[in-house]
């Protein structure tokens, strides 16, 4: 079996910047207050975030390993198609696409909310600002 190696197109600094950008992105700006209201102690609050971070790290390591084993474009579709066949791959690929669309919409809404907080004249027009963010 031939050893497959991924081509390095961007550097480590870019990868770290993407990771930090996604971590500090809309989710971390929007949810800590809601989570803190539901948890009675600071220790429990921090524990939940640490456990969530470890869970995400394990998932990222699994995806990196699968991406090295199957270096084709298509992400989760490729992995599931290889393991379970074309129909299951199609279902996973479709649901991944829907999930990505939903995530984009959620991030746009958070940007719209925070734009209103930064510029008071924009208050009350969250959906309009979110549409502008998504449509560019």
C-alpha atoms as a PDB file:
ATOM      1  CA  UNK A   1       0.000   0.000   0.000  1.00  0.00           C
ATOM      2  CA  UNK A   2       1.293   3.398  -0.985  1.00  0.00           C
ATOM      3  CA  UNK A   3       1.740   5.951   1.791  1.00  0.00           C
ATOM      4  CA  UNK A   4      -0.511   8.956   1.229  1.00  0.00           C
ATOM      5  CA  UNK A   5       0.628  12.363   2.359  1.00  0.00           C
ATOM      6  CA  UNK A   6      -1.479  15.507   2.465  1.00  0.00           C
ATOM      7  CA  UNK A   7      -0.169  18.491   0.549  1.00  0.00           C
ATOM      8  CA  UNK A   8       0.657  21.466   2.749  1.00  0.00           C
ATOM      9  CA  UNK A   9      -1.073  24.417   1.109  1.00  0.00           C
ATOM     10  CA  UNK A  10      -1.246  26.744   4.101  1.00  0.00           C
ATOM     11  CA  UNK A  11       0.978  27.009   7.117  1.00  0.00           C
ATOM     12  CA  UNK A  12       0.516  26.194  10.767  1.00  0.00           C
ATOM     13  CA  UNK A  13      -0.107  29.854  11.626  1.00  0.00           C
ATOM     14  CA  UNK A  14      -3.085  29.951   9.260  1.00  0.00           C
ATOM     15  CA  UNK A  15      -4.459  26.735  10.751  1.00  0.00           C
ATOM     16  CA  UNK A  16      -4.150  28.118  14.277  1.00  0.00           C
ATOM     17  CA  UNK A  17      -5.842  31.365  13.192  1.00  0.00           C
ATOM     18  CA  UNK A  18      -8.780  29.400  11.746  1.00  0.00           C
ATOM     19  CA  UNK A  19      -9.112  27.325  14.923  1.00  0.00           C
ATOM     20  CA  UNK A  20      -9.041  30.412  17.146  1.00  0.00           C
ATOM     21  CA  UNK A  21     -11.474  32.243  14.867  1.00  0.00           C
ATOM     22  CA  UNK A  22     -13.956  29.376  14.969  1.00  0.00           C
ATOM     23  CA  UNK A  23     -13.590  28.956  18.734  1.00  0.00           C
ATOM     24  CA  UNK A  24     -14.070  32.616  19.537  1.00  0.00           C
ATOM     25  CA  UNK A  25     -16.721  32.892  16.850  1.00  0.00           C
ATOM     26  CA  UNK A  26     -20.437  33.238  17.235  1.00  0.00           C
ATOM     27  CA  UNK A  27     -20.975  30.313  19.599  1.00  0.00           C
ATOM     28  CA  UNK A  28     -18.569  31.450  22.277  1.00  0.00           C
ATOM     29  CA  UNK A  29     -19.898  35.009  22.084  1.00  0.00           C
ATOM     30  CA  UNK A  30     -23.547  34.006  22.211  1.00  0.00           C
ATOM     31  CA  UNK A  31     -23.937  31.047  24.588  1.00  0.00           C
ATOM     32  CA  UNK A  32     -21.870  31.437  27.793  1.00  0.00           C
ATOM     33  CA  UNK A  33     -24.471  33.607  29.519  1.00  0.00           C
ATOM     34  CA  UNK A  34     -27.274  31.160  28.752  1.00  0.00           C
ATOM     35  CA  UNK A  35     -25.192  28.201  29.929  1.00  0.00           C
ATOM     36  CA  UNK A  36     -24.107  30.014  33.099  1.00  0.00           C
ATOM     37  CA  UNK A  37     -27.760  30.717  33.989  1.00  0.00           C
ATOM     38  CA  UNK A  38     -28.522  26.985  33.838  1.00  0.00           C
ATOM     39  CA  UNK A  39     -25.536  25.808  35.910  1.00  0.00           C
ATOM     40  CA  UNK A  40     -25.433  26.525  39.671  1.00  0.00           C
ATOM     41  CA  UNK A  41     -21.650  26.785  40.228  1.00  0.00           C
ATOM     42  CA  UNK A  42     -18.628  28.230  38.474  1.00  0.00           C
ATOM     43  CA  UNK A  43     -16.823  24.887  38.726  1.00  0.00           C
ATOM     44  CA  UNK A  44     -19.640  23.103  36.913  1.00  0.00           C
ATOM     45  CA  UNK A  45     -19.771  25.858  34.288  1.00  0.00           C
ATOM     46  CA  UNK A  46     -16.038  25.571  33.554  1.00  0.00           C
ATOM     47  CA  UNK A  47     -16.193  21.767  33.643  1.00  0.00           C
ATOM     48  CA  UNK A  48     -18.896  21.719  30.970  1.00  0.00           C
ATOM     49  CA  UNK A  49     -16.790  23.926  28.690  1.00  0.00           C
ATOM     50  CA  UNK A  50     -13.662  21.816  29.251  1.00  0.00           C
ATOM     51  CA  UNK A  51     -15.520  18.558  28.580  1.00  0.00           C
ATOM     52  CA  UNK A  52     -17.067  20.083  25.452  1.00  0.00           C
ATOM     53  CA  UNK A  53     -13.625  21.214  24.276  1.00  0.00           C
ATOM     54  CA  UNK A  54     -12.168  17.728  24.778  1.00  0.00           C
ATOM     55  CA  UNK A  55     -15.107  16.194  22.905  1.00  0.00           C
ATOM     56  CA  UNK A  56     -14.549  18.536  19.969  1.00  0.00           C
ATOM     57  CA  UNK A  57     -10.802  17.818  20.022  1.00  0.00           C
ATOM     58  CA  UNK A  58     -11.448  14.065  19.796  1.00  0.00           C
ATOM     59  CA  UNK A  59     -13.856  14.621  16.902  1.00  0.00           C
ATOM     60  CA  UNK A  60     -11.316  16.790  15.081  1.00  0.00           C
ATOM     61  CA  UNK A  61      -8.628  14.146  15.544  1.00  0.00           C
ATOM     62  CA  UNK A  62     -10.964  11.470  14.132  1.00  0.00           C
ATOM     63  CA  UNK A  63     -11.735  13.640  11.095  1.00  0.00           C
ATOM     64  CA  UNK A  64      -8.032  14.330  10.546  1.00  0.00           C
ATOM     65  CA  UNK A  65      -7.276  10.612  10.674  1.00  0.00           C
ATOM     66  CA  UNK A  66     -10.089   9.769   8.247  1.00  0.00           C
ATOM     67  CA  UNK A  67      -9.002  12.588   5.944  1.00  0.00           C
ATOM     68  CA  UNK A  68      -5.528  11.083   5.824  1.00  0.00           C
ATOM     69  CA  UNK A  69      -6.895   7.598   5.099  1.00  0.00           C
ATOM     70  CA  UNK A  70      -9.261   8.832   2.361  1.00  0.00           C
ATOM     71  CA  UNK A  71      -7.765  11.997   0.813  1.00  0.00           C
ATOM     72  CA  UNK A  72     -10.719  12.701  -1.497  1.00  0.00           C
ATOM     73  CA  UNK A  73     -12.850  15.827  -1.435  1.00  0.00           C
ATOM     74  CA  UNK A  74     -16.298  15.457   0.083  1.00  0.00           C
ATOM     75  CA  UNK A  75     -15.615  15.189   3.812  1.00  0.00           C
ATOM     76  CA  UNK A  76     -17.982  12.997   5.780  1.00  0.00           C
ATOM     77  CA  UNK A  77     -19.728  11.856   2.586  1.00  0.00           C
ATOM     78  CA  UNK A  78     -16.536  10.107   1.445  1.00  0.00           C
ATOM     79  CA  UNK A  79     -15.997   8.374   4.785  1.00  0.00           C
ATOM     80  CA  UNK A  80     -19.552   7.102   5.131  1.00  0.00           C
ATOM     81  CA  UNK A  81     -19.799   6.076   1.476  1.00  0.00           C
ATOM     82  CA  UNK A  82     -16.665   3.997   1.900  1.00  0.00           C
ATOM     83  CA  UNK A  83     -17.926   2.368   5.113  1.00  0.00           C
ATOM     84  CA  UNK A  84     -21.670   1.972   4.484  1.00  0.00           C
ATOM     85  CA  UNK A  85     -22.304   2.526   0.782  1.00  0.00           C
ATOM     86  CA  UNK A  86     -23.648   5.181  -1.543  1.00  0.00           C
ATOM     87  CA  UNK A  87     -27.097   5.664  -0.004  1.00  0.00           C
ATOM     88  CA  UNK A  88     -25.775   6.240   3.528  1.00  0.00           C
ATOM     89  CA  UNK A  89     -23.068   8.521   2.098  1.00  0.00           C
ATOM     90  CA  UNK A  90     -25.717  10.563   0.288  1.00  0.00           C
ATOM     91  CA  UNK A  91     -27.810  10.936   3.462  1.00  0.00           C
ATOM     92  CA  UNK A  92     -24.781  12.024   5.523  1.00  0.00           C
ATOM     93  CA  UNK A  93     -23.575  14.397   2.803  1.00  0.00           C
ATOM     94  CA  UNK A  94     -27.019  15.972   2.507  1.00  0.00           C
ATOM     95  CA  UNK A  95     -27.449  16.378   6.266  1.00  0.00           C
ATOM     96  CA  UNK A  96     -23.943  17.856   6.524  1.00  0.00           C
ATOM     97  CA  UNK A  97     -24.847  20.411   3.844  1.00  0.00           C
ATOM     98  CA  UNK A  98     -28.097  21.316   5.662  1.00  0.00           C
ATOM     99  CA  UNK A  99     -26.152  21.642   8.921  1.00  0.00           C
ATOM    100  CA  UNK A 100     -23.643  23.979   7.273  1.00  0.00           C
ATOM    101  CA  UNK A 101     -26.472  26.164   5.937  1.00  0.00           C
ATOM    102  CA  UNK A 102     -28.046  26.323   9.403  1.00  0.00           C
ATOM    103  CA  UNK A 103     -24.732  27.217  11.008  1.00  0.00           C
ATOM    104  CA  UNK A 104     -24.177  30.001   8.496  1.00  0.00           C
ATOM    105  CA  UNK A 105     -27.621  31.409   9.252  1.00  0.00           C
ATOM    106  CA  UNK A 106     -27.046  31.228  13.021  1.00  0.00           C
ATOM    107  CA  UNK A 107     -23.698  33.030  12.742  1.00  0.00           C
ATOM    108  CA  UNK A 108     -25.296  35.710  10.544  1.00  0.00           C
ATOM    109  CA  UNK A 109     -28.025  36.285  13.151  1.00  0.00           C
ATOM    110  CA  UNK A 110     -25.441  36.654  15.923  1.00  0.00           C
ATOM    111  CA  UNK A 111     -23.517  39.142  13.783  1.00  0.00           C
ATOM    112  CA  UNK A 112     -26.771  41.025  13.213  1.00  0.00           C
ATOM    113  CA  UNK A 113     -27.481  41.134  16.960  1.00  0.00           C
ATOM    114  CA  UNK A 114     -24.007  42.376  17.841  1.00  0.00           C
ATOM    115  CA  UNK A 115     -24.037  44.964  15.047  1.00  0.00           C
ATOM    116  CA  UNK A 116     -27.119  46.448  16.715  1.00  0.00           C
ATOM    117  CA  UNK A 117     -25.290  46.546  20.041  1.00  0.00           C
ATOM    118  CA  UNK A 118     -22.315  48.331  18.450  1.00  0.00           C
ATOM    119  CA  UNK A 119     -24.367  50.743  16.334  1.00  0.00           C
ATOM    120  CA  UNK A 120     -27.613  51.664  18.144  1.00  0.00           C
ATOM    121  CA  UNK A 121     -29.190  53.066  14.961  1.00  0.00           C
ATOM    122  CA  UNK A 122     -29.323  49.476  13.642  1.00  0.00           C
ATOM    123  CA  UNK A 123     -31.373  48.104  16.565  1.00  0.00           C
ATOM    124  CA  UNK A 124     -34.464  46.131  15.632  1.00  0.00           C
ATOM    125  CA  UNK A 125     -33.298  44.994  12.197  1.00  0.00           C
ATOM    126  CA  UNK A 126     -31.515  41.738  13.038  1.00  0.00           C
ATOM    127  CA  UNK A 127     -32.948  39.639  10.200  1.00  0.00           C
ATOM    128  CA  UNK A 128     -32.179  42.295   7.602  1.00  0.00           C
ATOM    129  CA  UNK A 129     -28.554  42.575   8.776  1.00  0.00           C
ATOM    130  CA  UNK A 130     -28.241  38.765   8.885  1.00  0.00           C
ATOM    131  CA  UNK A 131     -29.476  38.578   5.287  1.00  0.00           C
ATOM    132  CA  UNK A 132     -26.899  41.158   4.230  1.00  0.00           C
ATOM    133  CA  UNK A 133     -24.144  39.194   5.985  1.00  0.00           C
ATOM    134  CA  UNK A 134     -25.093  35.923   4.264  1.00  0.00           C
ATOM    135  CA  UNK A 135     -25.705  37.433   0.821  1.00  0.00           C
ATOM    136  CA  UNK A 136     -22.559  39.513   0.998  1.00  0.00           C
END
